[in-house]
Protein backbone atom coordinates (compact mmCIF):
# COMPACT_ATOMS: atom_id res chain seq x y z
CA UNK A 1 -10.36 25.89 -2.02
CA UNK A 2 -11.65 26.25 1.87
CA UNK A 3 -14.49 23.40 2.82
CA UNK A 4 -17.78 25.29 2.80
CA UNK A 5 -20.42 22.00 3.43
CA UNK A 6 -21.94 20.34 6.02
CA UNK A 7 -19.90 19.67 8.80
CA UNK A 8 -20.52 16.64 11.44
CA UNK A 9 -18.38 15.54 14.41
CA UNK A 10 -16.45 12.85 12.63
CA UNK A 11 -15.21 15.87 10.04
CA UNK A 12 -14.34 18.05 12.49
CA UNK A 13 -12.69 14.96 14.21
CA UNK A 14 -10.93 14.16 10.70
CA UNK A 15 -9.28 17.59 10.81
CA UNK A 16 -8.26 17.75 14.15
CA UNK A 17 -6.36 14.10 14.00
CA UNK A 18 -4.65 14.89 10.89
CA UNK A 19 -5.07 17.83 8.48
CA UNK A 20 -3.82 16.49 5.44
CA UNK A 21 -6.27 13.16 5.80
CA UNK A 22 -9.31 16.23 6.13
CA UNK A 23 -7.78 17.58 2.36
CA UNK A 24 -7.98 14.41 0.68
CA UNK A 25 -11.36 13.29 2.03
CA UNK A 26 -13.25 17.02 1.80
CA UNK A 27 -11.01 19.18 -0.38
CA UNK A 28 -10.03 16.88 -2.81
CA UNK A 29 -13.30 14.65 -2.43
CA UNK A 30 -11.01 11.24 -2.57
CA UNK A 31 -13.89 9.36 -0.45
CA UNK A 32 -12.74 5.67 -0.22
CA UNK A 33 -14.20 3.09 1.63
CA UNK A 34 -12.18 1.28 4.54
CA UNK A 35 -13.71 -2.44 4.54
CA UNK A 36 -12.45 -3.36 8.13
CA UNK A 37 -13.93 -5.71 11.00
CA UNK A 38 -13.89 -2.83 13.32
CA UNK A 39 -16.50 -0.73 11.19
CA UNK A 40 -18.34 -3.71 10.39
CA UNK A 41 -18.65 -4.71 14.24
CA UNK A 42 -19.64 -1.25 15.48
CA UNK A 43 -22.45 -1.02 12.87
CA UNK A 44 -23.55 -4.46 14.14
CA UNK A 45 -23.78 -3.10 17.66
CA UNK A 46 -25.03 -0.02 16.87
CA UNK A 47 -27.99 -1.55 14.91
CA UNK A 48 -28.59 -3.84 18.41
CA UNK A 49 -28.55 -1.14 20.75
CA UNK A 50 -31.12 0.82 18.57
CA UNK A 51 -33.39 -1.56 18.42
CA UNK A 52 -33.40 -2.61 21.87
CA UNK A 53 -33.94 1.02 23.27
CA UNK A 54 -36.93 1.66 20.72
CA UNK A 55 -38.28 -1.19 22.01
CA UNK A 56 -38.04 -0.23 25.49
CA UNK A 57 -39.15 3.65 24.58
CA UNK A 58 -42.18 2.15 23.56
CA UNK A 59 -42.76 -0.17 25.90
CA UNK A 60 -42.76 -3.28 23.23
CA UNK A 61 -41.19 -6.72 23.58
CA UNK A 62 -37.69 -7.20 23.37
CA UNK A 63 -37.63 -10.60 20.92
CA UNK A 64 -33.96 -11.33 22.25
CA UNK A 65 -34.26 -14.51 20.06
CA UNK A 66 -34.57 -12.67 16.40
CA UNK A 67 -31.67 -9.84 17.48
CA UNK A 68 -29.30 -12.72 18.41
CA UNK A 69 -29.69 -14.69 15.38
CA UNK A 70 -29.16 -12.15 13.59
CA UNK A 71 -25.76 -10.88 15.49
CA UNK A 72 -25.19 -14.79 15.33
CA UNK A 73 -25.54 -14.58 11.19
CA UNK A 74 -22.86 -11.38 11.26
CA UNK A 75 -20.92 -13.00 13.15
CA UNK A 76 -20.38 -16.10 10.66
CA UNK A 77 -20.03 -13.07 7.90
CA UNK A 78 -17.55 -11.37 10.03
CA UNK A 79 -15.44 -14.56 10.32
CA UNK A 80 -15.72 -15.40 6.77
CA UNK A 81 -14.79 -11.84 5.30
CA UNK A 82 -12.21 -11.41 7.99
CA UNK A 83 -10.40 -14.35 9.18
CA UNK A 84 -7.46 -12.82 10.26
CA UNK A 85 -8.69 -10.32 12.34
CA UNK A 86 -11.50 -12.03 13.96
CA UNK A 87 -8.70 -14.18 15.76
CA UNK A 88 -6.55 -11.07 16.33
CA UNK A 89 -5.80 -10.03 19.94
CA UNK A 90 -7.16 -6.79 20.66
CA UNK A 91 -5.42 -4.33 23.58
CA UNK A 92 -7.31 -6.42 26.08
CA UNK A 93 -6.01 -9.09 25.14
CA UNK A 94 -9.61 -11.50 23.85
CA UNK A 95 -10.85 -11.79 20.31
CA UNK A 96 -14.09 -10.54 18.09
CA UNK A 97 -15.64 -13.84 18.66
CA UNK A 98 -15.20 -13.51 22.19
CA UNK A 99 -16.22 -10.15 22.56
CA UNK A 100 -19.56 -10.84 20.32
CA UNK A 101 -20.47 -14.11 22.17
CA UNK A 102 -19.84 -12.06 25.51
CA UNK A 103 -22.50 -9.67 24.45
CA UNK A 104 -24.88 -12.11 23.32
CA UNK A 105 -25.17 -13.82 26.68
CA UNK A 106 -24.82 -10.75 28.54
CA UNK A 107 -24.25 -7.30 27.06
CA UNK A 108 -27.06 -7.66 25.01
CA UNK A 109 -29.23 -7.34 28.31
CA UNK A 110 -27.63 -4.12 29.52
CA UNK A 111 -29.69 -1.43 28.58
CA UNK A 112 -32.85 -3.33 29.83
CA UNK A 113 -31.28 -4.10 33.07
CA UNK A 114 -30.00 -0.50 33.20
CA UNK A 115 -33.73 1.05 32.63
CA UNK A 116 -35.12 -1.60 35.18
CA UNK A 117 -32.66 -0.52 37.98
CA UNK A 118 -33.13 3.54 36.95
CA UNK A 119 -37.07 3.62 36.44
CA UNK A 120 -36.47 8.06 37.22
CA UNK A 121 -34.81 7.49 33.88
CA UNK A 122 -37.27 7.48 30.05
CA UNK A 123 -35.43 6.57 27.05
CA UNK A 124 -35.98 9.73 24.42
CA UNK A 125 -34.62 8.09 21.62
CA UNK A 126 -32.06 6.42 19.75
CA UNK A 127 -30.19 7.74 16.48
CA UNK A 128 -31.55 11.09 17.24
CA UNK A 129 -31.35 13.21 14.17
CA UNK A 130 -30.35 16.83 15.04
CA UNK A 131 -29.49 19.89 12.65
CA UNK A 132 -27.31 23.13 14.75
CA UNK A 133 -24.75 26.08 13.36
CA UNK A 134 -21.77 26.48 15.13
CA UNK A 135 -19.50 28.92 14.18
CA UNK A 136 -21.26 29.79 11.53
CA UNK A 137 -21.09 26.09 9.93
CA UNK A 138 -23.99 24.02 9.56
CA UNK A 139 -23.95 20.74 11.42
CA UNK A 140 -25.72 17.61 11.29
CA UNK A 141 -25.68 14.26 13.14
CA UNK A 142 -27.71 11.64 14.99
CA UNK A 143 -26.84 11.37 18.99
CA UNK A 144 -26.55 7.18 20.25
CA UNK A 145 -29.00 7.25 23.06
CA UNK A 146 -30.79 9.86 25.01
CA UNK A 147 -32.13 9.90 28.27
CA UNK A 148 -34.86 11.81 30.21
CA UNK A 149 -35.00 12.50 34.18
CA UNK A 150 -38.54 12.79 35.20
CA UNK A 151 -37.61 13.79 38.25
CA UNK A 152 -35.38 16.35 37.58
CA UNK A 153 -35.67 17.45 33.79
CA UNK A 154 -31.99 16.76 32.94
CA UNK A 155 -30.55 14.38 30.06
CA UNK A 156 -28.16 11.94 29.88
CA UNK A 157 -26.40 11.63 26.49
CA UNK A 158 -24.65 8.32 25.29
CA UNK A 159 -22.56 7.72 22.56
CA UNK A 160 -21.86 3.80 22.11
CA UNK A 161 -18.40 3.02 21.46
CA UNK A 162 -16.77 -0.52 20.61
CA UNK A 163 -13.77 -0.15 21.93
CA UNK A 164 -12.04 -3.10 23.64
CA UNK A 165 -10.56 -0.78 26.49
CA UNK A 166 -12.04 2.12 28.87
CA UNK A 167 -11.52 5.55 27.42
CA UNK A 168 -7.93 6.98 28.33
CA UNK A 169 -8.59 9.84 30.93
CA UNK A 170 -7.24 12.24 28.98
CA UNK A 171 -9.54 11.90 26.43
CA UNK A 172 -12.53 11.96 28.26
CA UNK A 173 -11.72 15.64 29.44
CA UNK A 174 -12.70 17.80 26.21
CA UNK A 175 -14.71 15.26 24.25
CA UNK A 176 -15.36 17.11 20.83
CA UNK A 177 -17.58 15.35 20.35
CA UNK A 178 -20.00 15.50 23.31
CA UNK A 179 -19.42 19.63 22.96
CA UNK A 180 -21.20 19.29 19.38
CA UNK A 181 -24.06 16.47 21.20
CA UNK A 182 -24.95 19.24 24.26
CA UNK A 183 -24.95 22.28 21.95
CA UNK A 184 -27.68 20.59 20.22
CA UNK A 185 -29.68 19.01 22.84
CA UNK A 186 -29.23 22.58 24.46
CA UNK A 187 -31.84 23.74 20.91
CA UNK A 188 -33.78 21.11 20.74
CA UNK A 189 -34.90 20.96 24.30
CA UNK A 190 -33.95 24.52 25.89
CA UNK A 191 -32.09 23.06 28.92
CA UNK A 192 -28.81 24.51 30.15
CA UNK A 193 -24.81 22.60 29.84
CA UNK A 194 -25.87 21.82 33.56
CA UNK A 195 -28.63 20.14 32.10
CA UNK A 196 -26.75 17.55 30.83
CA UNK A 197 -24.51 14.54 31.25
CA UNK A 198 -22.50 12.75 28.62
CA UNK A 199 -21.57 9.34 28.76
CA UNK A 200 -19.34 6.55 26.85
CA UNK A 201 -21.41 3.58 27.05
CA UNK A 202 -18.95 0.47 26.39
CA UNK A 203 -20.45 -2.75 26.09
CA UNK A 204 -17.75 -4.71 24.97
CA UNK A 205 -16.06 -3.96 28.48
CA UNK A 206 -19.53 -4.09 30.44
CA UNK A 207 -19.20 0.28 31.73
CA UNK A 208 -20.08 3.67 30.87
CA UNK A 209 -17.43 6.25 31.66
CA UNK A 210 -18.68 10.04 32.56
CA UNK A 211 -16.94 12.72 29.88
CA UNK A 212 -16.29 16.04 30.16
CA UNK A 213 -14.89 17.70 33.09
CA UNK A 214 -15.66 21.15 34.61
CA UNK A 215 -15.46 23.52 31.59
CA UNK A 216 -15.13 21.36 28.98
CA UNK A 217 -18.06 23.06 27.13
CA UNK A 218 -15.61 26.32 26.77
CA UNK A 219 -12.89 24.83 25.78
CA UNK A 220 -14.40 22.74 23.63
CA UNK A 221 -16.03 25.79 21.93
CA UNK A 222 -12.43 27.37 21.83
CA UNK A 223 -11.11 24.23 20.20
CA UNK A 224 -13.37 24.20 17.44
CA UNK A 225 -13.06 27.72 16.48
CA UNK A 226 -9.50 27.02 16.46
CA UNK A 227 -9.71 23.85 13.99
CA UNK A 228 -12.13 26.05 11.76
CA UNK A 229 -9.51 28.69 11.63
CA UNK A 230 -7.17 26.17 10.18
CA UNK A 231 -9.36 24.65 7.62
CA UNK A 232 -9.91 28.70 6.50
CA UNK A 233 -6.04 28.81 6.39
CA UNK A 234 -5.71 26.27 4.42
CA UNK A 235 -3.71 24.56 7.02
CA UNK A 236 -3.49 20.80 5.86
CA UNK A 237 -0.05 19.82 7.26
CA UNK A 238 -0.31 15.95 8.10
CA UNK A 239 0.60 14.46 10.91
CA UNK A 240 1.96 11.08 10.82
CA UNK A 241 1.98 8.60 13.80
CA UNK A 242 1.32 5.14 14.33
CA UNK A 243 -2.76 5.51 13.19
CA UNK A 244 -1.52 5.95 9.55
CA UNK A 245 -1.47 2.38 9.50
CA UNK A 246 -5.17 2.28 9.85
CA UNK A 247 -5.95 5.40 7.79
CA UNK A 248 -7.91 4.71 4.70
CA UNK A 249 -4.88 6.32 2.72
CA UNK A 250 -2.14 5.12 4.55
CA UNK A 251 -0.07 2.80 2.32
CA UNK A 252 1.20 0.62 4.70
CA UNK A 253 -2.42 -0.41 6.07
CA UNK A 254 -3.12 -4.05 4.24
CA UNK A 255 -6.51 -2.93 3.70
CA UNK A 256 -6.02 -0.05 1.85
CA UNK A 257 -8.48 0.57 -1.54
CA UNK A 258 -6.46 0.80 -4.47
CA UNK A 259 -8.72 3.94 -4.80
CA UNK A 260 -6.51 5.34 -1.79
CA UNK A 261 -3.08 4.33 -2.65
CA UNK A 262 -0.85 6.86 -3.50
CA UNK A 263 -2.27 9.45 -2.14
CA UNK A 264 -0.42 10.25 0.98
CA UNK A 265 3.15 10.13 0.57
CA UNK A 266 3.57 11.63 4.44
CA UNK A 267 2.36 8.20 5.92
CA UNK A 268 4.24 6.67 9.40
CA UNK A 269 6.46 4.38 8.84
CA UNK A 270 4.61 2.50 11.80
CA UNK A 271 3.31 -1.18 11.65
CA UNK A 272 2.34 -4.10 13.70
CA UNK A 273 5.59 -5.78 13.23
CA UNK A 274 7.92 -3.14 13.12
CA UNK A 275 7.48 0.19 15.68
CA UNK A 276 8.74 3.12 13.87
CA UNK A 277 9.03 6.68 14.57
CA UNK A 278 9.89 7.89 11.08
CA UNK A 279 7.85 8.79 8.26
CA UNK A 280 7.51 8.18 4.23
CA UNK A 281 8.17 11.85 3.26
CA UNK A 282 8.29 15.98 4.66
CA UNK A 283 5.99 18.03 4.03
CA UNK A 284 6.81 20.93 1.92
CA UNK A 285 4.17 23.20 1.70
CA UNK A 286 0.57 22.63 -0.14
CA UNK A 287 2.00 24.13 -3.10
CA UNK A 288 4.67 21.48 -3.15
CA UNK A 289 2.48 18.44 -2.85
CA UNK A 290 2.19 17.36 -6.20
CA UNK A 291 6.09 17.35 -6.59
CA UNK A 292 6.61 15.13 -3.88
CA UNK A 293 3.86 12.92 -4.33
CA UNK A 294 5.56 12.11 -8.31
CA UNK A 295 8.96 11.74 -6.21
CA UNK A 296 7.36 9.49 -3.95
CA UNK A 297 5.27 7.39 -6.47
CA UNK A 298 8.11 7.19 -8.49
CA UNK A 299 10.56 5.88 -5.56
CA UNK A 300 8.07 3.53 -4.64
CA UNK A 301 8.14 2.21 -8.16
CA UNK A 302 11.91 1.36 -8.21
CA UNK A 303 11.68 -0.56 -4.89
CA UNK A 304 9.17 -2.84 -6.50
CA UNK A 305 11.04 -3.44 -9.10
């Protein structure tokens, strides 16, 4: 039963966040699409930043008018397809409309300004694909953006996040994403850990944040090894939390698709309207999962009636 396929950061992070979600997605192959505004906006910003980075790298003019027009059309789609979410305030009290217009007016120029302020840096590439092996497992992925210092030969690895607020300090200490990316950069360019600086680029916050404190590569390697041990030992206990509300398998997620319903009976009972520390069903081991699931479905049908 343990998964033996190709890995990525998102796949490892899935197991790290919830073992049972990993089980549904990668062991049972219950792939479902979650059509949410956060993913759509993130993709639009990533696509725009990739085009700008490639233009700068190849010393080509940046057609900001075309880029802005494409994004404006996307904004019309976002408002039409996600009318409620489009005007719902985030953690910083801002709406998607405000954040996107802010990006159109200022954020879209950030990378060009950064490169002019740091002529010693050259853009190696954007969405750089890589392959490597970690703990005997094949890994693939793409690095959002990579700079090289012409004077020192050192690299800056950036990952673009459309977060509404800064990354929490506790999440900056040992980011597994940058553990994997740093390993890839070392293999591709023959450098050491010390030659790679990691950063989150947050266009909606207009900041970059350094990621990975001293020793994070060693800590991260041990963490990944521990996660693989759990997968190999078939440890798939769920981790119910308020994040279940946004999970593609979360039964209380208003955007859940029909194909994802009644797959996870262990979800948190937290909602935006009612904070709760409870959860639906107790985990009784994988061997009893089918019985728990059947009882959960039966009880839910009774409540619906």
